[in-house]
């Protein structure tokens, strides 16, 4: 079993090594960022919800225009 990445650079290298396409690499990085903002104590305290653009409630079929993540600030709802 391979050890988990220990630095950000190692994490990016793992994405490079395991993704077959640039799009797949980007998707993996977006999911990593979503999880980071949901679980890192600093960001989890600030945001009460984080979504990938395509998973955002109320998207109503709007196309992806380059926005990767949407976060809602805790307390303000914005």
N, C-alpha and C. Protein backbone atom coordinates (compact mmCIF):
# COMPACT_ATOMS: atom_id res chain seq x y z
N UNK A 1 0.85 -1.19 0.00
CA UNK A 1 0.00 0.00 0.00
C UNK A 1 0.89 1.24 0.00
N UNK A 2 0.55 2.18 -0.86
CA UNK A 2 1.34 3.40 -0.99
C UNK A 2 0.97 4.39 0.11
N UNK A 3 1.98 5.07 0.65
CA UNK A 3 1.74 6.08 1.69
C UNK A 3 0.99 7.26 1.09
N UNK A 4 0.12 7.90 1.89
CA UNK A 4 -0.59 9.08 1.38
C UNK A 4 0.37 10.24 1.14
N UNK A 5 0.02 11.15 0.23
CA UNK A 5 0.88 12.31 -0.01
C UNK A 5 1.05 13.12 1.27
N UNK A 6 2.25 13.67 1.46
CA UNK A 6 2.50 14.43 2.68
C UNK A 6 2.66 15.91 2.41
N UNK A 7 2.82 16.31 1.18
CA UNK A 7 2.92 17.73 0.85
C UNK A 7 1.94 18.03 -0.28
N UNK A 8 1.65 19.30 -0.44
CA UNK A 8 0.75 19.72 -1.51
C UNK A 8 1.33 19.33 -2.87
N UNK A 9 2.62 19.52 -3.03
CA UNK A 9 3.28 19.15 -4.29
C UNK A 9 3.10 17.65 -4.56
N UNK A 10 3.26 16.83 -3.54
CA UNK A 10 3.08 15.38 -3.71
C UNK A 10 1.64 15.06 -4.10
N UNK A 11 0.70 15.78 -3.51
CA UNK A 11 -0.70 15.57 -3.86
C UNK A 11 -0.93 15.89 -5.34
N UNK A 12 -0.40 17.02 -5.80
CA UNK A 12 -0.55 17.38 -7.21
C UNK A 12 0.11 16.34 -8.12
N UNK A 13 1.27 15.85 -7.71
CA UNK A 13 1.95 14.81 -8.50
C UNK A 13 1.11 13.54 -8.56
N UNK A 14 0.45 13.21 -7.46
CA UNK A 14 -0.42 12.03 -7.45
C UNK A 14 -1.57 12.22 -8.43
N UNK A 15 -2.16 13.43 -8.47
CA UNK A 15 -3.21 13.71 -9.45
C UNK A 15 -2.66 13.54 -10.86
N UNK A 16 -1.45 14.07 -11.11
CA UNK A 16 -0.82 13.96 -12.43
C UNK A 16 -0.63 12.50 -12.82
N UNK A 17 -0.13 11.71 -11.87
CA UNK A 17 0.20 10.31 -12.15
C UNK A 17 -1.03 9.44 -12.36
N UNK A 18 -2.12 9.75 -11.67
CA UNK A 18 -3.27 8.85 -11.69
C UNK A 18 -4.36 9.27 -12.68
N UNK A 19 -4.33 10.50 -13.17
CA UNK A 19 -5.36 10.96 -14.10
C UNK A 19 -4.91 10.73 -15.54
N UNK A 20 -5.82 10.23 -16.34
CA UNK A 20 -5.49 9.95 -17.74
C UNK A 20 -5.64 11.19 -18.62
N UNK A 21 -6.45 12.15 -18.19
CA UNK A 21 -6.68 13.36 -18.98
C UNK A 21 -6.57 14.59 -18.09
N UNK A 22 -6.40 15.73 -18.73
CA UNK A 22 -6.36 16.99 -17.99
C UNK A 22 -7.69 17.23 -17.28
N UNK A 23 -8.79 16.88 -17.95
CA UNK A 23 -10.12 17.06 -17.33
C UNK A 23 -10.25 16.20 -16.08
N UNK A 24 -9.78 14.96 -16.14
CA UNK A 24 -9.85 14.07 -14.98
C UNK A 24 -9.00 14.62 -13.83
N UNK A 25 -7.84 15.16 -14.17
CA UNK A 25 -6.97 15.76 -13.16
C UNK A 25 -7.70 16.94 -12.49
N UNK A 26 -8.33 17.78 -13.30
CA UNK A 26 -9.06 18.93 -12.77
C UNK A 26 -10.23 18.51 -11.90
N UNK A 27 -10.96 17.48 -12.32
CA UNK A 27 -12.09 16.99 -11.52
C UNK A 27 -11.63 16.48 -10.17
N UNK A 28 -10.53 15.76 -10.15
CA UNK A 28 -10.01 15.25 -8.87
C UNK A 28 -9.59 16.39 -7.96
N UNK A 29 -8.95 17.40 -8.54
CA UNK A 29 -8.51 18.54 -7.74
C UNK A 29 -9.72 19.31 -7.19
N UNK A 30 -10.77 19.47 -8.00
CA UNK A 30 -11.98 20.16 -7.54
C UNK A 30 -12.61 19.40 -6.37
N UNK A 31 -12.68 18.09 -6.46
CA UNK A 31 -13.26 17.29 -5.37
C UNK A 31 -12.39 17.39 -4.11
N UNK A 32 -11.08 17.42 -4.30
CA UNK A 32 -10.18 17.61 -3.16
C UNK A 32 -10.47 18.95 -2.49
N UNK A 33 -10.58 20.01 -3.28
CA UNK A 33 -10.84 21.35 -2.73
C UNK A 33 -12.18 21.40 -2.01
N UNK A 34 -13.20 20.78 -2.60
CA UNK A 34 -14.51 20.73 -1.96
C UNK A 34 -14.39 20.07 -0.58
N UNK A 35 -13.73 18.94 -0.51
CA UNK A 35 -13.55 18.24 0.77
C UNK A 35 -12.73 19.07 1.74
N UNK A 36 -11.71 19.74 1.25
CA UNK A 36 -10.87 20.58 2.11
C UNK A 36 -11.69 21.70 2.74
N UNK A 37 -12.48 22.40 1.94
CA UNK A 37 -13.28 23.51 2.48
C UNK A 37 -14.36 23.02 3.43
N UNK A 38 -14.80 21.78 3.27
CA UNK A 38 -15.83 21.23 4.15
C UNK A 38 -15.25 20.71 5.47
N UNK A 39 -13.97 20.34 5.48
CA UNK A 39 -13.43 19.67 6.67
C UNK A 39 -12.31 20.42 7.38
N UNK A 40 -11.57 21.28 6.70
CA UNK A 40 -10.52 22.04 7.37
C UNK A 40 -11.18 22.96 8.40
N UNK A 41 -10.73 22.96 9.65
CA UNK A 41 -11.41 23.73 10.69
C UNK A 41 -11.61 25.21 10.35
N UNK A 42 -10.62 25.85 9.76
CA UNK A 42 -10.75 27.27 9.42
C UNK A 42 -11.89 27.51 8.43
N UNK A 43 -11.91 26.73 7.35
CA UNK A 43 -12.93 26.92 6.31
C UNK A 43 -14.28 26.36 6.71
N UNK A 44 -14.29 25.23 7.41
CA UNK A 44 -15.56 24.65 7.84
C UNK A 44 -16.29 25.58 8.81
N UNK A 45 -15.55 26.37 9.55
CA UNK A 45 -16.16 27.35 10.44
C UNK A 45 -16.75 28.52 9.64
N UNK A 46 -16.13 28.85 8.54
CA UNK A 46 -16.59 29.99 7.73
C UNK A 46 -17.76 29.63 6.82
N UNK A 47 -17.73 28.43 6.22
CA UNK A 47 -18.76 28.03 5.26
C UNK A 47 -19.66 26.96 5.85
N UNK A 48 -20.98 27.10 5.62
CA UNK A 48 -21.88 26.04 6.06
C UNK A 48 -22.21 25.06 4.93
N UNK A 49 -21.81 25.40 3.71
CA UNK A 49 -22.01 24.49 2.57
C UNK A 49 -21.00 24.83 1.47
N UNK A 50 -20.53 23.79 0.81
CA UNK A 50 -19.62 23.94 -0.34
C UNK A 50 -20.08 22.93 -1.38
N UNK A 51 -20.23 23.40 -2.61
CA UNK A 51 -20.66 22.53 -3.70
C UNK A 51 -19.74 22.66 -4.89
N UNK A 52 -19.61 21.58 -5.65
CA UNK A 52 -19.08 21.68 -6.99
C UNK A 52 -20.13 22.43 -7.81
N UNK A 53 -19.72 23.17 -8.82
CA UNK A 53 -20.66 23.98 -9.60
C UNK A 53 -21.84 23.13 -10.09
N UNK A 54 -21.55 21.97 -10.63
CA UNK A 54 -22.61 21.14 -11.21
C UNK A 54 -23.57 20.59 -10.16
N UNK A 55 -23.17 20.58 -8.88
CA UNK A 55 -24.01 20.04 -7.80
C UNK A 55 -24.75 21.13 -7.04
N UNK A 56 -24.54 22.38 -7.38
CA UNK A 56 -25.10 23.51 -6.63
C UNK A 56 -26.61 23.55 -6.75
N UNK A 57 -27.30 23.66 -5.59
CA UNK A 57 -28.76 23.81 -5.65
C UNK A 57 -29.13 25.10 -6.39
N UNK A 58 -30.19 25.06 -7.15
CA UNK A 58 -30.65 26.24 -7.85
C UNK A 58 -29.88 26.56 -9.12
N UNK A 59 -29.04 25.65 -9.56
CA UNK A 59 -28.25 25.88 -10.77
C UNK A 59 -29.16 25.97 -11.99
N UNK A 60 -30.27 25.27 -11.96
CA UNK A 60 -31.28 25.32 -13.02
C UNK A 60 -30.70 25.12 -14.41
N UNK A 61 -29.77 24.19 -14.53
CA UNK A 61 -29.22 23.85 -15.84
C UNK A 61 -28.22 24.84 -16.41
N UNK A 62 -27.83 25.84 -15.61
CA UNK A 62 -26.83 26.79 -16.11
C UNK A 62 -25.56 26.03 -16.48
N UNK A 63 -24.96 26.36 -17.62
CA UNK A 63 -23.75 25.64 -18.03
C UNK A 63 -22.55 26.01 -17.17
N UNK A 64 -21.58 25.14 -17.18
CA UNK A 64 -20.31 25.39 -16.49
C UNK A 64 -19.55 26.44 -17.29
N UNK A 65 -19.26 27.57 -16.67
CA UNK A 65 -18.55 28.65 -17.37
C UNK A 65 -17.17 28.88 -16.77
N UNK A 66 -16.67 27.90 -16.04
CA UNK A 66 -15.35 28.03 -15.44
C UNK A 66 -15.37 28.14 -13.93
N UNK A 67 -16.57 28.26 -13.35
CA UNK A 67 -16.68 28.29 -11.89
C UNK A 67 -16.55 26.85 -11.40
N UNK A 68 -15.64 26.60 -10.48
CA UNK A 68 -15.43 25.23 -10.00
C UNK A 68 -16.22 24.93 -8.73
N UNK A 69 -16.19 25.86 -7.78
CA UNK A 69 -16.83 25.64 -6.48
C UNK A 69 -17.69 26.84 -6.11
N UNK A 70 -18.73 26.56 -5.34
CA UNK A 70 -19.58 27.61 -4.77
C UNK A 70 -19.68 27.30 -3.29
N UNK A 71 -19.45 28.32 -2.46
CA UNK A 71 -19.53 28.15 -1.01
C UNK A 71 -20.54 29.14 -0.45
N UNK A 72 -21.25 28.72 0.59
CA UNK A 72 -22.19 29.61 1.28
C UNK A 72 -21.62 29.94 2.65
N UNK A 73 -21.50 31.24 2.91
CA UNK A 73 -20.93 31.69 4.17
C UNK A 73 -21.89 31.45 5.32
N UNK A 74 -21.37 30.87 6.37
CA UNK A 74 -22.14 30.61 7.57
C UNK A 74 -22.61 31.95 8.15
N UNK A 75 -23.85 32.02 8.54
CA UNK A 75 -24.37 33.22 9.18
C UNK A 75 -24.95 34.25 8.23
N UNK A 76 -24.42 34.36 7.02
CA UNK A 76 -24.95 35.35 6.07
C UNK A 76 -25.80 34.71 4.99
N UNK A 77 -25.56 33.44 4.71
CA UNK A 77 -26.28 32.77 3.63
C UNK A 77 -25.82 33.15 2.25
N UNK A 78 -24.73 33.90 2.16
CA UNK A 78 -24.20 34.34 0.86
C UNK A 78 -22.96 33.56 0.51
